[in-house]
Amino acid sequence: MKLNLKRPLAFFDLETTGTNIGIDRIVEISVIKLHPDGSEEVRTWRINPGMPIPLESSLVHGIYDEHIKDEPFFKEVASLIAEFIDTSDLAGYNSNKFDIPMLMEEFLKADVLFDLDNRHFVDVQNIFHQMEQRTLKAAYQFYCDKQIINAHSAEADTRATMEVLLAQIAKYENIEWEDKKGVRTIPVVNDIEALHKFTNLNRPVDFAGRMVYNEKGQETFNFGKHKGKAVEDVLKMEPSYYSWMMQGDFPLYTKRKLEEIYNRWNAKKTAERQPKPAPQKQPEPVIAEVTKERPDKRDFHKPQVPQNNNHPRPENKPYKKNNDEPASPVNDDMLKMLAEKFKKGL
């Protein structure tokens, strides 16, 4: 069977010093790059992890310290690996929980940009576990009726994974599956986007599964005392939890995604604290002057003139105090005194 591909699909597998994504390192990576025309390219790199390989890990994959002491460090081949994978979708066995976050951790440590946005991720183990609940060895036997030769070598496991996916698509064609809500679908089809959705049902935020999306599309913690709580709610309730995680033994990619959420939440909080523009001051009402229509209202800013309705004061005449005696008429002596006064002022 040939996969329907719109772009290359890179099957890959890692052998590592252990299973702690934040601490352990890659010792071998193998990639089979399947092209839309059916052709494939294979690359395998042995890598010096820069740390001793624990015996229990060497017993699993067969790679010991003497095998990799002369091999390059990951940072020396990181650009080659990123370039080979390029814009491919990614597929693997348990890749969403382990291989992808481990690979991203190594890229980040090597300061090599590898963007996961707009890619599809097909985890063959998720299809297998959700349909049959088995291991890779059992899956290969169950779907392909074969035994893995050189099991736990990166290339052998990678090729077995690719063959299992092809057999799964053939086996589950038109087979219905019922989710936890009772919704029945046919999820295993020859389409990478559909397989991506089916193998990412938990909707992880960071691939290591420390944070997942809930039904509302909110990032929530998936571990510890805050499991099931929205990340933004925890940041508001317990801000120190962010510092604890950023300083703790968590994968770098988990910390990057948490930092993105924190920056978004902090920007929202800062915007809410911005002062609102003050309302424009309304002009004060003008006090009306005394008019005939409103005789009860007075303009108290003007001096009040006593009114004498019987003898109104002619307009433009000086005001004269109440006095019973009439004013004296102007005579020649008064004119002479005024003339003398103005002569002195000149």
Protein backbone atom coordinates (compact mmCIF):
# COMPACT_ATOMS: atom_id res chain seq x y z
CA MET A 1 0.00 0.00 0.00
CA LYS A 2 1.13 3.51 -0.78
CA LEU A 3 0.47 6.36 1.65
CA ASN A 4 -1.42 9.37 0.29
CA LEU A 5 1.01 12.19 1.04
CA LYS A 6 0.81 15.89 0.25
CA ARG A 7 4.35 16.43 1.58
CA PRO A 8 7.13 14.16 2.91
CA LEU A 9 6.48 12.10 6.03
CA ALA A 10 9.53 11.51 8.23
CA PHE A 11 9.40 8.35 10.34
CA PHE A 12 12.03 8.55 13.06
CA ASP A 13 13.18 6.77 16.21
CA LEU A 14 15.61 7.72 18.97
CA GLU A 15 17.88 5.70 21.21
CA THR A 16 18.81 7.64 24.33
CA THR A 17 20.66 7.53 27.64
CA GLY A 18 17.33 7.31 29.46
CA THR A 19 13.72 8.49 29.48
CA ASN A 20 14.01 11.84 31.32
CA ILE A 21 13.44 14.38 28.56
CA GLY A 22 14.97 17.24 30.54
CA ILE A 23 18.19 15.41 31.46
CA ASP A 24 18.88 12.48 29.12
CA ARG A 25 20.44 12.77 25.68
CA ILE A 26 20.20 11.15 22.24
CA VAL A 27 22.80 8.49 21.29
CA GLU A 28 21.28 7.49 17.95
CA ILE A 29 18.63 8.84 15.59
CA SER A 30 17.37 7.22 12.41
CA VAL A 31 15.00 8.86 9.92
CA ILE A 32 13.17 7.35 6.94
CA LYS A 33 11.86 10.21 4.83
CA LEU A 34 8.95 9.00 2.68
CA HIS A 35 8.13 11.22 -0.32
CA PRO A 36 4.71 11.67 -1.97
CA ASP A 37 5.94 9.74 -5.03
CA GLY A 38 6.70 6.70 -2.87
CA SER A 39 10.48 7.12 -2.84
CA GLU A 40 12.35 7.19 0.46
CA GLU A 41 15.60 8.49 1.94
CA VAL A 42 17.26 6.99 5.02
CA ARG A 43 19.68 8.73 7.41
CA THR A 44 21.13 7.42 10.68
CA TRP A 45 23.38 9.33 13.07
CA ARG A 46 25.29 7.98 16.06
CA ILE A 47 25.77 10.76 18.60
CA ASN A 48 28.06 11.34 21.56
CA PRO A 49 25.67 12.33 24.38
CA GLY A 50 28.37 14.05 26.41
CA MET A 51 27.50 11.89 29.41
CA PRO A 52 27.93 8.24 30.40
CA ILE A 53 25.27 5.86 29.08
CA PRO A 54 23.67 3.99 32.02
CA LEU A 55 24.14 0.23 31.80
CA GLU A 56 20.37 -0.42 31.91
CA SER A 57 19.93 1.73 28.81
CA SER A 58 22.84 0.07 26.97
CA LEU A 59 21.33 -3.35 27.68
CA VAL A 60 18.16 -2.20 25.86
CA HIS A 61 19.58 -0.63 22.70
CA GLY A 62 23.06 -2.21 22.65
CA ILE A 63 24.97 1.08 22.43
CA TYR A 64 27.79 1.48 24.97
CA ASP A 65 30.13 4.33 25.78
CA GLU A 66 32.95 2.91 23.60
CA HIS A 67 30.61 2.87 20.59
CA ILE A 68 30.01 6.63 20.63
CA LYS A 69 33.17 8.13 22.20
CA ASP A 70 34.42 9.32 18.79
CA GLU A 71 31.01 10.33 17.41
CA PRO A 72 29.97 14.02 17.03
CA PHE A 73 27.93 15.83 19.65
CA PHE A 74 24.33 16.62 18.74
CA LYS A 75 25.05 20.33 18.23
CA GLU A 76 27.51 19.36 15.47
CA VAL A 77 24.88 17.50 13.44
CA ALA A 78 21.71 19.35 14.56
CA SER A 79 21.57 21.53 11.45
CA LEU A 80 21.97 18.49 9.17
CA ILE A 81 19.11 16.68 10.93
CA ALA A 82 16.84 19.74 10.83
CA GLU A 83 17.60 20.27 7.14
CA PHE A 84 16.90 16.62 6.29
CA ILE A 85 13.54 16.62 8.09
CA ASP A 86 12.86 20.10 6.72
CA THR A 87 9.09 20.64 6.25
CA SER A 88 8.14 16.98 6.65
CA ASP A 89 5.30 15.76 8.81
CA LEU A 90 6.57 13.53 11.63
CA ALA A 91 5.67 9.95 12.51
CA GLY A 92 6.95 7.54 15.10
CA TYR A 93 6.09 5.03 17.79
CA ASN A 94 5.25 6.87 21.06
CA SER A 95 6.71 9.89 19.28
CA ASN A 96 4.24 12.44 20.66
CA LYS A 97 5.16 11.70 24.26
CA PHE A 98 8.85 10.94 23.90
CA ASP A 99 10.66 11.22 20.56
CA ILE A 100 9.33 14.64 19.47
CA PRO A 101 9.85 16.38 22.84
CA MET A 102 13.29 14.75 23.20
CA LEU A 103 14.30 15.87 19.71
CA MET A 104 13.00 19.40 20.37
CA GLU A 105 14.98 19.48 23.61
CA GLU A 106 18.18 18.68 21.73
CA PHE A 107 17.46 21.31 19.05
CA LEU A 108 16.89 23.95 21.74
CA LYS A 109 20.10 23.03 23.55
CA ALA A 110 21.96 23.31 20.23
CA ASP A 111 20.29 26.70 19.43
CA VAL A 112 18.91 25.30 16.18
CA LEU A 113 15.49 26.60 15.15
CA PHE A 114 13.05 23.81 14.30
CA ASP A 115 9.45 24.95 14.05
CA LEU A 116 6.71 22.45 14.89
CA ASP A 117 3.86 24.71 13.83
CA ASN A 118 1.73 23.62 10.86
CA ARG A 119 3.10 20.07 10.90
CA HIS A 120 1.14 16.85 11.30
CA PHE A 121 2.21 14.26 13.86
CA VAL A 122 1.24 10.62 13.52
CA ASP A 123 1.90 8.49 16.59
CA VAL A 124 1.60 4.88 15.48
CA GLN A 125 1.51 3.70 19.10
CA ASN A 126 -1.64 5.73 19.75
CA ILE A 127 -3.43 4.02 16.87
CA PHE A 128 -2.23 0.66 18.12
CA HIS A 129 -3.03 1.25 21.79
CA GLN A 130 -6.44 2.69 21.05
CA MET A 131 -7.33 -0.15 18.72
CA GLU A 132 -5.42 -3.15 20.12
CA GLN A 133 -3.37 -2.21 23.24
CA ARG A 134 0.04 -3.81 22.46
CA THR A 135 3.83 -3.08 22.27
CA LEU A 136 5.84 -2.43 19.08
CA LYS A 137 7.09 -6.03 18.95
CA ALA A 138 3.54 -7.34 19.36
CA ALA A 139 2.24 -4.76 16.89
CA TYR A 140 4.71 -5.88 14.25
CA GLN A 141 3.77 -9.50 14.85
CA PHE A 142 0.05 -8.71 14.95
CA TYR A 143 -0.17 -6.45 11.90
CA CYS A 144 2.68 -7.70 9.73
CA ASP A 145 3.05 -11.28 10.97
CA LYS A 146 6.80 -10.73 11.25
CA GLN A 147 9.48 -10.67 13.93
CA ILE A 148 11.68 -7.58 14.24
CA ILE A 149 15.27 -8.41 13.34
CA ASN A 150 17.78 -6.38 15.39
CA ALA A 151 15.04 -5.06 17.67
CA HIS A 152 15.93 -1.85 19.52
CA SER A 153 18.29 -0.66 16.82
CA ALA A 154 17.00 2.67 15.62
CA GLU A 155 16.69 1.77 11.93
CA ALA A 156 15.05 -1.62 12.54
CA ASP A 157 12.48 -0.10 14.90
CA THR A 158 11.85 2.77 12.50
CA ARG A 159 11.23 0.47 9.55
CA ALA A 160 8.98 -1.77 11.66
CA THR A 161 7.00 1.34 12.68
CA MET A 162 6.52 2.37 9.06
CA GLU A 163 5.34 -1.12 8.04
CA VAL A 164 2.96 -1.26 11.02
CA LEU A 165 1.29 2.02 9.99
CA LEU A 166 0.72 0.75 6.45
CA ALA A 167 -0.77 -2.50 7.82
CA GLN A 168 -2.97 -0.55 10.27
CA ILE A 169 -4.47 1.55 7.48
CA ALA A 170 -5.24 -1.59 5.49
CA LYS A 171 -6.67 -3.47 8.49
CA TYR A 172 -8.91 -0.70 9.84
CA GLU A 173 -10.31 0.48 6.54
CA ASN A 174 -14.02 1.20 7.12
CA ILE A 175 -13.77 0.01 10.76
CA GLU A 176 -15.79 2.12 13.21
CA TRP A 177 -14.38 3.32 16.53
CA GLU A 178 -16.34 4.73 19.47
CA ASP A 179 -14.88 7.49 21.64
CA LYS A 180 -15.58 8.13 25.33
CA LYS A 181 -18.66 10.20 24.46
CA GLY A 182 -20.16 7.44 22.38
CA VAL A 183 -19.42 9.14 19.05
CA ARG A 184 -18.67 6.58 16.35
CA THR A 185 -16.27 7.40 13.50
CA ILE A 186 -13.92 5.70 11.05
CA PRO A 187 -10.66 7.28 12.23
CA VAL A 188 -7.92 5.16 10.61
CA VAL A 189 -7.85 6.26 6.98
CA ASN A 190 -5.17 6.88 4.39
CA ASP A 191 -4.88 10.56 5.20
CA ILE A 192 -2.13 12.10 7.33
CA GLU A 193 -4.27 14.96 8.68
CA ALA A 194 -6.95 12.49 9.86
CA LEU A 195 -4.31 10.25 11.45
CA HIS A 196 -2.81 13.33 13.12
CA LYS A 197 -6.15 14.11 14.77
CA PHE A 198 -6.72 10.51 15.86
CA THR A 199 -3.26 10.13 17.39
CA ASN A 200 -3.44 13.47 19.23
CA LEU A 201 -6.72 13.01 21.09
CA ASN A 202 -5.24 14.32 24.35
CA ARG A 203 -4.34 17.56 22.56
CA PRO A 204 -0.99 18.19 24.30
CA VAL A 205 0.35 21.73 24.51
CA ASP A 206 3.99 20.77 25.00
CA PHE A 207 4.23 17.12 23.77
CA ALA A 208 5.66 16.04 27.13
CA GLY A 209 2.05 16.18 28.32
CA ARG A 210 2.62 18.57 31.23
CA MET A 211 -0.08 20.81 29.74
CA VAL A 212 -3.06 19.88 27.56
CA TYR A 213 -5.98 21.70 25.96
CA ASN A 214 -9.40 21.25 27.54
CA GLU A 215 -12.69 21.14 25.65
CA LYS A 216 -12.86 24.96 25.65
CA GLY A 217 -9.44 25.20 24.02
CA GLN A 218 -7.78 26.47 27.23
CA GLU A 219 -4.32 25.31 28.27
CA THR A 220 -4.58 23.29 31.50
CA PHE A 221 -2.01 21.60 33.72
CA ASN A 222 -1.93 17.83 33.38
CA PHE A 223 0.08 16.95 36.49
CA GLY A 224 0.54 17.81 40.15
CA LYS A 225 -1.70 19.70 42.53
CA HIS A 226 -3.13 21.92 39.78
CA LYS A 227 -4.03 19.12 37.38
CA GLY A 228 -7.13 20.03 35.37
CA LYS A 229 -6.89 23.75 36.20
CA ALA A 230 -6.46 26.40 33.51
CA VAL A 231 -2.88 27.65 33.36
CA GLU A 232 -3.98 31.31 33.38
CA ASP A 233 -6.13 30.71 36.48
CA VAL A 234 -3.14 29.18 38.30
CA LEU A 235 -0.91 32.11 37.26
CA LYS A 236 -3.46 34.48 38.76
CA MET A 237 -4.02 32.41 41.92
CA GLU A 238 -0.40 31.33 42.54
CA PRO A 239 2.10 33.41 40.50
CA SER A 240 5.08 31.66 42.13
CA TYR A 241 4.08 28.40 40.38
CA TYR A 242 5.42 29.88 37.12
CA SER A 243 8.84 30.58 38.67
CA TRP A 244 8.91 27.12 40.22
CA MET A 245 8.34 25.46 36.84
CA MET A 246 10.76 27.72 34.96
CA GLN A 247 13.50 26.92 37.49
CA GLY A 248 12.56 23.25 37.83
CA ASP A 249 13.62 20.10 36.02
CA PHE A 250 11.13 20.42 33.14
CA PRO A 251 11.84 20.08 29.41
CA LEU A 252 12.89 23.30 27.67
CA TYR A 253 10.00 23.02 25.22
CA THR A 254 7.55 22.79 28.13
CA LYS A 255 9.10 25.92 29.60
CA ARG A 256 8.90 27.71 26.24
CA LYS A 257 5.17 26.99 25.89
CA LEU A 258 4.57 28.02 29.53
CA GLU A 259 6.46 31.27 28.90
CA GLU A 260 4.28 31.99 25.85
CA ILE A 261 1.15 31.54 27.98
CA TYR A 262 2.60 33.71 30.76
CA ASN A 263 3.53 36.54 28.37
CA ARG A 264 0.06 36.47 26.82
CA TRP A 265 -1.60 36.48 30.25
CA ASN A 266 0.69 39.25 31.55
CA ALA A 267 0.00 41.44 28.51
CA LYS A 268 -3.73 40.99 29.04
CA LYS A 269 -3.38 41.90 32.72
CA THR A 270 -1.31 45.00 31.90
CA ALA A 271 -3.91 46.16 29.36
CA GLU A 272 -6.66 45.83 31.96
CA ARG A 273 -4.70 48.07 34.36
CA GLN A 274 -4.38 50.92 31.86
CA PRO A 275 -6.32 54.00 33.14
CA LYS A 276 -9.48 54.80 31.26
CA PRO A 277 -9.70 58.29 29.66
CA ALA A 278 -11.35 60.83 31.99
CA PRO A 279 -14.80 62.01 30.90
CA GLN A 280 -14.88 65.50 29.39
CA LYS A 281 -15.94 68.20 31.86
CA GLN A 282 -19.32 69.68 31.10
CA PRO A 283 -19.43 73.51 30.89
CA GLU A 284 -20.91 75.20 33.94
CA PRO A 285 -24.39 76.68 33.44
CA VAL A 286 -24.49 80.46 32.92
CA ILE A 287 -26.38 82.37 35.62
CA ALA A 288 -29.12 84.37 33.98
CA GLU A 289 -29.24 88.12 34.58
CA VAL A 290 -32.27 89.79 36.08
CA THR A 291 -34.96 90.11 33.46
CA LYS A 292 -38.52 91.19 33.45
CA GLU A 293 -39.50 87.56 32.84
CA ARG A 294 -37.58 86.38 35.95
CA PRO A 295 -37.83 89.24 38.49
CA ASP A 296 -37.07 86.85 41.35
CA LYS A 297 -33.55 86.08 40.02
CA ARG A 298 -30.68 88.49 40.56
CA ASP A 299 -27.17 88.75 39.17
CA PHE A 300 -25.17 88.90 42.39
CA HIS A 301 -21.98 89.70 40.46
CA LYS A 302 -23.28 93.26 39.79
CA PRO A 303 -23.74 96.00 42.45
CA GLN A 304 -27.33 96.39 43.45
CA VAL A 305 -28.86 99.82 42.88
CA PRO A 306 -31.67 100.97 45.16
CA GLN A 307 -34.82 101.37 43.18
CA ASN A 308 -37.10 104.35 43.48
CA ASN A 309 -40.17 103.70 41.44
CA ASN A 310 -41.62 107.17 42.05
CA HIS A 311 -38.49 109.08 40.92
CA PRO A 312 -36.45 106.92 38.55
CA ARG A 313 -32.84 108.04 38.09
CA PRO A 314 -32.18 109.25 34.55
CA GLU A 315 -29.80 107.06 32.64
CA ASN A 316 -26.08 108.09 32.59
CA LYS A 317 -26.57 110.41 35.60
CA PRO A 318 -24.34 110.09 38.70
CA TYR A 319 -25.99 108.38 41.59
CA LYS A 320 -26.93 110.74 44.43
CA LYS A 321 -27.37 109.65 48.00
CA ASN A 322 -30.68 110.11 49.65
CA ASN A 323 -30.87 113.69 50.92
CA ASP A 324 -33.80 115.95 51.62
CA GLU A 325 -31.94 119.04 50.30
CA PRO A 326 -31.63 119.58 46.54
CA ALA A 327 -28.19 119.89 44.96
CA SER A 328 -26.66 123.41 44.77
CA PRO A 329 -26.55 125.02 41.31
CA VAL A 330 -23.12 125.65 39.65
CA ASN A 331 -21.94 129.29 40.06
CA ASP A 332 -18.92 131.41 38.99
CA ASP A 333 -16.95 130.73 42.19
CA MET A 334 -17.16 127.00 41.64
CA LEU A 335 -15.93 127.33 38.04
CA LYS A 336 -12.99 129.48 39.17
CA MET A 337 -11.97 126.84 41.77
CA LEU A 338 -12.04 124.09 39.16
CA ALA A 339 -9.89 126.13 36.79
CA GLU A 340 -7.25 126.75 39.51
CA LYS A 341 -7.23 123.04 40.34
CA PHE A 342 -6.56 121.90 36.74
CA LYS A 343 -3.73 124.54 36.37
CA LYS A 344 -1.91 122.94 39.31
CA GLY A 345 -2.20 119.46 37.85
CA LEU A 346 -0.55 120.40 34.55
